[in-house]
Full PDB file with SEQRES, HELIX, SHEET, SSBOND, CRYST1, ORIGX, SCALE, CONECT and MASTER records, all heavy atoms in Angstrom:
SEQRES   1 A   34  SER GLY THR ILE SER SER ILE GLN ALA MET GLY TRP TYR          
SEQRES   2 A   34  ARG GLN ALA PRO GLY LYS GLN ARG GLU SER VAL ALA ALA          
SEQRES   3 A   34  ILE THR SER GLY GLY SER THR ASN                              
SHEET    1 AA1 2 ALA A   9  ARG A  14  0                                        
SHEET    2 AA1 2 GLU A  22  THR A  28 -1                                        
CRYST1    1.000    1.000    1.000  90.00  90.00  90.00 P 1           1          
ORIGX1      1.000000  0.000000  0.000000        0.00000                         
ORIGX2      0.000000  1.000000  0.000000        0.00000                         
ORIGX3      0.000000  0.000000  1.000000        0.00000                         
SCALE1      1.000000  0.000000  0.000000        0.00000                         
SCALE2      0.000000  1.000000  0.000000        0.00000                         
SCALE3      0.000000  0.000000  1.000000        0.00000                         
ATOM      1  N   SER A   1       0.845  -1.180   0.000  1.00  0.00           N  
ATOM      2  CA  SER A   1       0.000   0.000   0.000  1.00  0.00           C  
ATOM      3  C   SER A   1       0.886   1.238   0.000  1.00  0.00           C  
ATOM      4  O   SER A   1       2.052   1.184   0.405  1.00  0.00           O  
ATOM      5  CB  SER A   1      -0.919   0.008   1.219  1.00  0.00           C  
ATOM      6  OG  SER A   1      -0.174   0.087   2.426  1.00  0.00           O  
ATOM      7  N   GLY A   2       0.322   2.354  -0.430  1.00  0.00           N  
ATOM      8  CA  GLY A   2       1.096   3.578  -0.511  1.00  0.00           C  
ATOM      9  C   GLY A   2       1.534   3.869  -1.932  1.00  0.00           C  
ATOM     10  O   GLY A   2       1.467   3.011  -2.812  1.00  0.00           O  
ATOM     11  N   THR A   3       2.000   5.080  -2.142  1.00  0.00           N  
ATOM     12  CA  THR A   3       2.438   5.508  -3.465  1.00  0.00           C  
ATOM     13  C   THR A   3       3.916   5.202  -3.646  1.00  0.00           C  
ATOM     14  O   THR A   3       4.761   5.726  -2.930  1.00  0.00           O  
ATOM     15  CB  THR A   3       2.182   7.005  -3.665  1.00  0.00           C  
ATOM     16  OG1 THR A   3       0.785   7.280  -3.475  1.00  0.00           O  
ATOM     17  CG2 THR A   3       2.578   7.417  -5.071  1.00  0.00           C  
ATOM     18  N   ILE A   4       4.212   4.366  -4.624  1.00  0.00           N  
ATOM     19  CA  ILE A   4       5.573   3.908  -4.876  1.00  0.00           C  
ATOM     20  C   ILE A   4       6.000   4.316  -6.281  1.00  0.00           C  
ATOM     21  O   ILE A   4       5.276   4.075  -7.245  1.00  0.00           O  
ATOM     22  CB  ILE A   4       5.671   2.386  -4.709  1.00  0.00           C  
ATOM     23  CG1 ILE A   4       5.397   1.996  -3.259  1.00  0.00           C  
ATOM     24  CG2 ILE A   4       7.041   1.882  -5.164  1.00  0.00           C  
ATOM     25  CD1 ILE A   4       5.298   0.512  -3.036  1.00  0.00           C  
ATOM     26  N   SER A   5       7.181   4.893  -6.363  1.00  0.00           N  
ATOM     27  CA  SER A   5       7.721   5.283  -7.658  1.00  0.00           C  
ATOM     28  C   SER A   5       8.375   4.106  -8.371  1.00  0.00           C  
ATOM     29  O   SER A   5       8.157   3.896  -9.567  1.00  0.00           O  
ATOM     30  CB  SER A   5       8.725   6.419  -7.502  1.00  0.00           C  
ATOM     31  OG  SER A   5       9.297   6.763  -8.745  1.00  0.00           O  
ATOM     32  N   SER A   6       9.181   3.347  -7.638  1.00  0.00           N  
ATOM     33  CA  SER A   6       9.864   2.208  -8.230  1.00  0.00           C  
ATOM     34  C   SER A   6      10.309   1.249  -7.140  1.00  0.00           C  
ATOM     35  O   SER A   6      10.403   1.611  -5.973  1.00  0.00           O  
ATOM     36  CB  SER A   6      11.070   2.663  -9.065  1.00  0.00           C  
ATOM     37  OG  SER A   6      12.032   3.309  -8.250  1.00  0.00           O  
ATOM     38  N   ILE A   7      10.598   0.021  -7.551  1.00  0.00           N  
ATOM     39  CA  ILE A   7      11.077  -1.023  -6.660  1.00  0.00           C  
ATOM     40  C   ILE A   7      12.224  -1.741  -7.358  1.00  0.00           C  
ATOM     41  O   ILE A   7      12.083  -2.171  -8.501  1.00  0.00           O  
ATOM     42  CB  ILE A   7       9.963  -2.036  -6.319  1.00  0.00           C  
ATOM     43  CG1 ILE A   7       8.756  -1.315  -5.715  1.00  0.00           C  
ATOM     44  CG2 ILE A   7      10.488  -3.110  -5.367  1.00  0.00           C  
ATOM     45  CD1 ILE A   7       7.530  -2.199  -5.594  1.00  0.00           C  
ATOM     46  N   GLN A   8      13.332  -1.888  -6.672  1.00  0.00           N  
ATOM     47  CA  GLN A   8      14.486  -2.554  -7.273  1.00  0.00           C  
ATOM     48  C   GLN A   8      14.276  -4.058  -7.382  1.00  0.00           C  
ATOM     49  O   GLN A   8      14.638  -4.672  -8.386  1.00  0.00           O  
ATOM     50  CB  GLN A   8      15.759  -2.264  -6.472  1.00  0.00           C  
ATOM     51  CG  GLN A   8      16.232  -0.826  -6.573  1.00  0.00           C  
ATOM     52  CD  GLN A   8      17.532  -0.592  -5.813  1.00  0.00           C  
ATOM     53  OE1 GLN A   8      18.067  -1.486  -5.171  1.00  0.00           O  
ATOM     54  NE2 GLN A   8      18.033   0.614  -5.888  1.00  0.00           N  
ATOM     55  N   ALA A   9      13.703  -4.647  -6.339  1.00  0.00           N  
ATOM     56  CA  ALA A   9      13.506  -6.087  -6.334  1.00  0.00           C  
ATOM     57  C   ALA A   9      12.458  -6.464  -5.305  1.00  0.00           C  
ATOM     58  O   ALA A   9      12.166  -5.700  -4.380  1.00  0.00           O  
ATOM     59  CB  ALA A   9      14.820  -6.818  -6.046  1.00  0.00           C  
ATOM     60  N   MET A  10      11.904  -7.659  -5.458  1.00  0.00           N  
ATOM     61  CA  MET A  10      10.975  -8.230  -4.505  1.00  0.00           C  
ATOM     62  C   MET A  10      11.457  -9.629  -4.169  1.00  0.00           C  
ATOM     63  O   MET A  10      12.009 -10.314  -5.029  1.00  0.00           O  
ATOM     64  CB  MET A  10       9.566  -8.311  -5.080  1.00  0.00           C  
ATOM     65  CG  MET A  10       9.001  -6.987  -5.549  1.00  0.00           C  
ATOM     66  SD  MET A  10       7.413  -7.239  -6.405  1.00  0.00           S  
ATOM     67  CE  MET A  10       6.954  -5.547  -6.770  1.00  0.00           C  
ATOM     68  N   GLY A  11      11.236 -10.033  -2.937  1.00  0.00           N  
ATOM     69  CA  GLY A  11      11.703 -11.347  -2.548  1.00  0.00           C  
ATOM     70  C   GLY A  11      10.824 -12.005  -1.507  1.00  0.00           C  
ATOM     71  O   GLY A  11      10.005 -11.355  -0.860  1.00  0.00           O  
ATOM     72  N   TRP A  12      11.017 -13.309  -1.385  1.00  0.00           N  
ATOM     73  CA  TRP A  12      10.365 -14.104  -0.360  1.00  0.00           C  
ATOM     74  C   TRP A  12      11.424 -14.773   0.504  1.00  0.00           C  
ATOM     75  O   TRP A  12      12.421 -15.294  -0.018  1.00  0.00           O  
ATOM     76  CB  TRP A  12       9.454 -15.175  -0.966  1.00  0.00           C  
ATOM     77  CG  TRP A  12       8.202 -14.623  -1.566  1.00  0.00           C  
ATOM     78  CD1 TRP A  12       7.973 -14.306  -2.868  1.00  0.00           C  
ATOM     79  CD2 TRP A  12       6.995 -14.319  -0.858  1.00  0.00           C  
ATOM     80  NE1 TRP A  12       6.692 -13.827  -3.033  1.00  0.00           N  
ATOM     81  CE2 TRP A  12       6.075 -13.822  -1.805  1.00  0.00           C  
ATOM     82  CE3 TRP A  12       6.594 -14.419   0.470  1.00  0.00           C  
ATOM     83  CZ2 TRP A  12       4.777 -13.430  -1.453  1.00  0.00           C  
ATOM     84  CZ3 TRP A  12       5.318 -14.023   0.815  1.00  0.00           C  
ATOM     85  CH2 TRP A  12       4.431 -13.535  -0.148  1.00  0.00           C  
ATOM     86  N   TYR A  13      11.199 -14.749   1.795  1.00  0.00           N  
ATOM     87  CA  TYR A  13      12.074 -15.370   2.770  1.00  0.00           C  
ATOM     88  C   TYR A  13      11.244 -16.289   3.653  1.00  0.00           C  
ATOM     89  O   TYR A  13      10.029 -16.143   3.752  1.00  0.00           O  
ATOM     90  CB  TYR A  13      12.766 -14.318   3.635  1.00  0.00           C  
ATOM     91  CG  TYR A  13      13.669 -13.374   2.868  1.00  0.00           C  
ATOM     92  CD1 TYR A  13      13.143 -12.378   2.051  1.00  0.00           C  
ATOM     93  CD2 TYR A  13      15.052 -13.480   2.971  1.00  0.00           C  
ATOM     94  CE1 TYR A  13      13.960 -11.515   1.344  1.00  0.00           C  
ATOM     95  CE2 TYR A  13      15.880 -12.611   2.276  1.00  0.00           C  
ATOM     96  CZ  TYR A  13      15.329 -11.634   1.468  1.00  0.00           C  
ATOM     97  OH  TYR A  13      16.160 -10.780   0.778  1.00  0.00           O  
ATOM     98  N   ARG A  14      11.896 -17.225   4.309  1.00  0.00           N  
ATOM     99  CA  ARG A  14      11.188 -18.077   5.248  1.00  0.00           C  
ATOM    100  C   ARG A  14      12.058 -18.346   6.466  1.00  0.00           C  
ATOM    101  O   ARG A  14      13.284 -18.329   6.386  1.00  0.00           O  
ATOM    102  CB  ARG A  14      10.760 -19.395   4.601  1.00  0.00           C  
ATOM    103  CG  ARG A  14      11.901 -20.328   4.228  1.00  0.00           C  
ATOM    104  CD  ARG A  14      11.361 -21.546   3.482  1.00  0.00           C  
ATOM    105  NE  ARG A  14      12.432 -22.449   3.110  1.00  0.00           N  
ATOM    106  CZ  ARG A  14      12.280 -23.499   2.321  1.00  0.00           C  
ATOM    107  NH1 ARG A  14      11.086 -23.789   1.814  1.00  0.00           N  
ATOM    108  NH2 ARG A  14      13.320 -24.281   2.035  1.00  0.00           N  
ATOM    109  N   GLN A  15      11.402 -18.594   7.571  1.00  0.00           N  
ATOM    110  CA  GLN A  15      12.087 -18.886   8.816  1.00  0.00           C  
ATOM    111  C   GLN A  15      11.356 -20.002   9.540  1.00  0.00           C  
ATOM    112  O   GLN A  15      10.213 -19.833   9.964  1.00  0.00           O  
ATOM    113  CB  GLN A  15      12.172 -17.641   9.700  1.00  0.00           C  
ATOM    114  CG  GLN A  15      13.044 -17.818  10.923  1.00  0.00           C  
ATOM    115  CD  GLN A  15      13.390 -16.501  11.582  1.00  0.00           C  
ATOM    116  OE1 GLN A  15      12.690 -15.501  11.411  1.00  0.00           O  
ATOM    117  NE2 GLN A  15      14.476 -16.485  12.330  1.00  0.00           N  
ATOM    118  N   ALA A  16      12.026 -21.134   9.657  1.00  0.00           N  
ATOM    119  CA  ALA A  16      11.494 -22.271  10.384  1.00  0.00           C  
ATOM    120  C   ALA A  16      11.875 -22.152  11.852  1.00  0.00           C  
ATOM    121  O   ALA A  16      12.851 -21.479  12.192  1.00  0.00           O  
ATOM    122  CB  ALA A  16      12.028 -23.575   9.791  1.00  0.00           C  
ATOM    123  N   PRO A  17      11.135 -22.806  12.742  1.00  0.00           N  
ATOM    124  CA  PRO A  17      11.459 -22.741  14.169  1.00  0.00           C  
ATOM    125  C   PRO A  17      12.893 -23.157  14.448  1.00  0.00           C  
ATOM    126  O   PRO A  17      13.350 -24.201  13.984  1.00  0.00           O  
ATOM    127  CB  PRO A  17      10.470 -23.722  14.804  1.00  0.00           C  
ATOM    128  CG  PRO A  17       9.312 -23.735  13.865  1.00  0.00           C  
ATOM    129  CD  PRO A  17       9.920 -23.604  12.497  1.00  0.00           C  
ATOM    130  N   GLY A  18      13.613 -22.321  15.191  1.00  0.00           N  
ATOM    131  CA  GLY A  18      14.978 -22.624  15.553  1.00  0.00           C  
ATOM    132  C   GLY A  18      15.992 -22.453  14.447  1.00  0.00           C  
ATOM    133  O   GLY A  18      17.161 -22.797  14.627  1.00  0.00           O  
ATOM    134  N   LYS A  19      15.571 -21.935  13.306  1.00  0.00           N  
ATOM    135  CA  LYS A  19      16.475 -21.769  12.184  1.00  0.00           C  
ATOM    136  C   LYS A  19      16.568 -20.309  11.765  1.00  0.00           C  
ATOM    137  O   LYS A  19      15.720 -19.485  12.107  1.00  0.00           O  
ATOM    138  CB  LYS A  19      16.032 -22.616  10.991  1.00  0.00           C  
ATOM    139  CG  LYS A  19      16.024 -24.108  11.250  1.00  0.00           C  
ATOM    140  CD  LYS A  19      15.747 -24.891   9.985  1.00  0.00           C  
ATOM    141  CE  LYS A  19      16.873 -24.769   8.984  1.00  0.00           C  
ATOM    142  NZ  LYS A  19      16.636 -25.598   7.765  1.00  0.00           N  
ATOM    143  N   GLN A  20      17.603 -20.005  11.027  1.00  0.00           N  
ATOM    144  CA  GLN A  20      17.836 -18.663  10.532  1.00  0.00           C  
ATOM    145  C   GLN A  20      16.914 -18.354   9.357  1.00  0.00           C  
ATOM    146  O   GLN A  20      16.548 -19.247   8.595  1.00  0.00           O  
ATOM    147  CB  GLN A  20      19.298 -18.532  10.108  1.00  0.00           C  
ATOM    148  CG  GLN A  20      19.843 -17.128  10.103  1.00  0.00           C  
ATOM    149  CD  GLN A  20      21.353 -17.119   9.958  1.00  0.00           C  
ATOM    150  OE1 GLN A  20      21.946 -18.041   9.402  1.00  0.00           O  
ATOM    151  NE2 GLN A  20      21.981 -16.072  10.452  1.00  0.00           N  
ATOM    152  N   ARG A  21      16.540 -17.098   9.228  1.00  0.00           N  
ATOM    153  CA  ARG A  21      15.740 -16.702   8.089  1.00  0.00           C  
ATOM    154  C   ARG A  21      16.565 -16.830   6.814  1.00  0.00           C  
ATOM    155  O   ARG A  21      17.733 -16.418   6.767  1.00  0.00           O  
ATOM    156  CB  ARG A  21      15.248 -15.261   8.248  1.00  0.00           C  
ATOM    157  CG  ARG A  21      14.265 -14.820   7.178  1.00  0.00           C  
ATOM    158  CD  ARG A  21      13.680 -13.442   7.469  1.00  0.00           C  
ATOM    159  NE  ARG A  21      12.957 -13.409   8.731  1.00  0.00           N  
ATOM    160  CZ  ARG A  21      12.262 -12.374   9.164  1.00  0.00           C  
ATOM    161  NH1 ARG A  21      12.181 -11.270   8.429  1.00  0.00           N  
ATOM    162  NH2 ARG A  21      11.647 -12.433  10.343  1.00  0.00           N  
ATOM    163  N   GLU A  22      15.972 -17.404   5.784  1.00  0.00           N  
ATOM    164  CA  GLU A  22      16.685 -17.631   4.544  1.00  0.00           C  
ATOM    165  C   GLU A  22      15.915 -17.089   3.355  1.00  0.00           C  
ATOM    166  O   GLU A  22      14.680 -17.042   3.363  1.00  0.00           O  
ATOM    167  CB  GLU A  22      16.957 -19.128   4.340  1.00  0.00           C  
ATOM    168  CG  GLU A  22      15.701 -19.968   4.166  1.00  0.00           C  
ATOM    169  CD  GLU A  22      15.993 -21.411   3.803  1.00  0.00           C  
ATOM    170  OE1 GLU A  22      17.137 -21.723   3.441  1.00  0.00           O  
ATOM    171  OE2 GLU A  22      15.056 -22.242   3.880  1.00  0.00           O  
ATOM    172  N   SER A  23      16.651 -16.706   2.350  1.00  0.00           N  
ATOM    173  CA  SER A  23      16.054 -16.251   1.106  1.00  0.00           C  
ATOM    174  C   SER A  23      15.532 -17.453   0.328  1.00  0.00           C  
ATOM    175  O   SER A  23      16.220 -18.464   0.193  1.00  0.00           O  
ATOM    176  CB  SER A  23      17.075 -15.487   0.268  1.00  0.00           C  
ATOM    177  OG  SER A  23      16.528 -15.113  -0.979  1.00  0.00           O  
ATOM    178  N   VAL A  24      14.327 -17.330  -0.189  1.00  0.00           N  
ATOM    179  CA  VAL A  24      13.690 -18.391  -0.955  1.00  0.00           C  
ATOM    180  C   VAL A  24      13.680 -18.070  -2.439  1.00  0.00           C  
ATOM    181  O   VAL A  24      14.032 -18.905  -3.273  1.00  0.00           O  
ATOM    182  CB  VAL A  24      12.255 -18.647  -0.456  1.00  0.00           C  
ATOM    183  CG1 VAL A  24      11.551 -19.666  -1.347  1.00  0.00           C  
ATOM    184  CG2 VAL A  24      12.276 -19.119   0.987  1.00  0.00           C  
ATOM    185  N   ALA A  25      13.248 -16.870  -2.774  1.00  0.00           N  
ATOM    186  CA  ALA A  25      13.134 -16.467  -4.168  1.00  0.00           C  
ATOM    187  C   ALA A  25      13.163 -14.954  -4.265  1.00  0.00           C  
ATOM    188  O   ALA A  25      12.778 -14.257  -3.324  1.00  0.00           O  
ATOM    189  CB  ALA A  25      11.849 -17.010  -4.792  1.00  0.00           C  
ATOM    190  N   ALA A  26      13.611 -14.453  -5.389  1.00  0.00           N  
ATOM    191  CA  ALA A  26      13.660 -13.015  -5.615  1.00  0.00           C  
ATOM    192  C   ALA A  26      13.449 -12.719  -7.084  1.00  0.00           C  
ATOM    193  O   ALA A  26      13.761 -13.542  -7.950  1.00  0.00           O  
ATOM    194  CB  ALA A  26      15.001 -12.439  -5.150  1.00  0.00           C  
ATOM    195  N   ILE A  27      12.918 -11.539  -7.343  1.00  0.00           N  
ATOM    196  CA  ILE A  27      12.728 -11.084  -8.714  1.00  0.00           C  
ATOM    197  C   ILE A  27      13.114  -9.615  -8.774  1.00  0.00           C  
ATOM    198  O   ILE A  27      12.731  -8.821  -7.917  1.00  0.00           O  
ATOM    199  CB  ILE A  27      11.276 -11.320  -9.193  1.00  0.00           C  
ATOM    200  CG1 ILE A  27      11.124 -10.929 -10.658  1.00  0.00           C  
ATOM    201  CG2 ILE A  27      10.275 -10.581  -8.313  1.00  0.00           C  
ATOM    202  CD1 ILE A  27       9.817 -11.426 -11.274  1.00  0.00           C  
ATOM    203  N   THR A  28      13.894  -9.245  -9.772  1.00  0.00           N  
ATOM    204  CA  THR A  28      14.366  -7.878  -9.916  1.00  0.00           C  
ATOM    205  C   THR A  28      13.394  -7.060 -10.752  1.00  0.00           C  
ATOM    206  O   THR A  28      12.459  -7.585 -11.351  1.00  0.00           O  
ATOM    207  CB  THR A  28      15.747  -7.836 -10.578  1.00  0.00           C  
ATOM    208  OG1 THR A  28      15.629  -8.236 -11.953  1.00  0.00           O  
ATOM    209  CG2 THR A  28      16.722  -8.768  -9.870  1.00  0.00           C  
ATOM    210  N   SER A  29      13.653  -5.753 -10.797  1.00  0.00           N  
ATOM    211  CA  SER A  29      12.815  -4.875 -11.598  1.00  0.00           C  
ATOM    212  C   SER A  29      12.856  -5.248 -13.073  1.00  0.00           C  
ATOM    213  O   SER A  29      11.895  -4.987 -13.804  1.00  0.00           O  
ATOM    214  CB  SER A  29      13.250  -3.413 -11.420  1.00  0.00           C  
ATOM    215  OG  SER A  29      14.592  -3.224 -11.841  1.00  0.00           O  
ATOM    216  N   GLY A  30      13.956  -5.851 -13.505  1.00  0.00           N  
ATOM    217  CA  GLY A  30      14.085  -6.290 -14.882  1.00  0.00           C  
ATOM    218  C   GLY A  30      13.481  -7.648 -15.161  1.00  0.00           C  
ATOM    219  O   GLY A  30      13.469  -8.090 -16.315  1.00  0.00           O  
ATOM    220  N   GLY A  31      12.999  -8.318 -14.121  1.00  0.00           N  
ATOM    221  CA  GLY A  31      12.354  -9.597 -14.302  1.00  0.00           C  
ATOM    222  C   GLY A  31      13.231 -10.811 -14.065  1.00  0.00           C  
ATOM    223  O   GLY A  31      12.751 -11.946 -14.185  1.00  0.00           O  
ATOM    224  N   SER A  32      14.492 -10.604 -13.732  1.00  0.00           N  
ATOM    225  CA  SER A  32      15.371 -11.730 -13.439  1.00  0.00           C  
ATOM    226  C   SER A  32      14.974 -12.375 -12.119  1.00  0.00           C  
ATOM    227  O   SER A  32      14.620 -11.680 -11.167  1.00  0.00           O  
ATOM    228  CB  SER A  32      16.824 -11.282 -13.372  1.00  0.00           C  
ATOM    229  OG  SER A  32      17.245 -10.751 -14.615  1.00  0.00           O  
ATOM    230  N   THR A  33      15.044 -13.693 -12.054  1.00  0.00           N  
ATOM    231  CA  THR A  33      14.656 -14.421 -10.856  1.00  0.00           C  
ATOM    232  C   THR A  33      15.799 -15.251 -10.312  1.00  0.00           C  
ATOM    233  O   THR A  33      16.688 -15.674 -11.052  1.00  0.00           O  
ATOM    234  CB  THR A  33      13.457 -15.340 -11.122  1.00  0.00           C  
ATOM    235  OG1 THR A  33      13.787 -16.261 -12.171  1.00  0.00           O  
ATOM    236  CG2 THR A  33      12.238 -14.533 -11.535  1.00  0.00           C  
ATOM    237  N   ASN A  34      15.765 -15.476  -9.014  1.00  0.00           N  
ATOM    238  CA  ASN A  34      16.711 -16.338  -8.335  1.00  0.00           C  
ATOM    239  C   ASN A  34      15.957 -17.165  -7.306  1.00  0.00           C  
ATOM    240  O   ASN A  34      15.029 -16.673  -6.681  1.00  0.00           O  
ATOM    241  CB  ASN A  34      17.810 -15.529  -7.643  1.00  0.00           C  
ATOM    242  CG  ASN A  34      18.770 -14.888  -8.602  1.00  0.00           C  
ATOM    243  OD1 ASN A  34      18.644 -13.709  -8.923  1.00  0.00           O  
ATOM    244  ND2 ASN A  34      19.740 -15.665  -9.071  1.00  0.00           N  
TER     245      ASN A  34                                                      
MASTER        0    0    0    0    2    0    0    6  244    1    0    3          
END                                                                             
């Protein structure tokens, strides 16, 4: 929500009980994914 001019990237992270938060997936403004 809110007025946004641009976003460099978006990502998803997950954290299981007792574990460190980790990156799951990401997508850049250009559409590249990891």
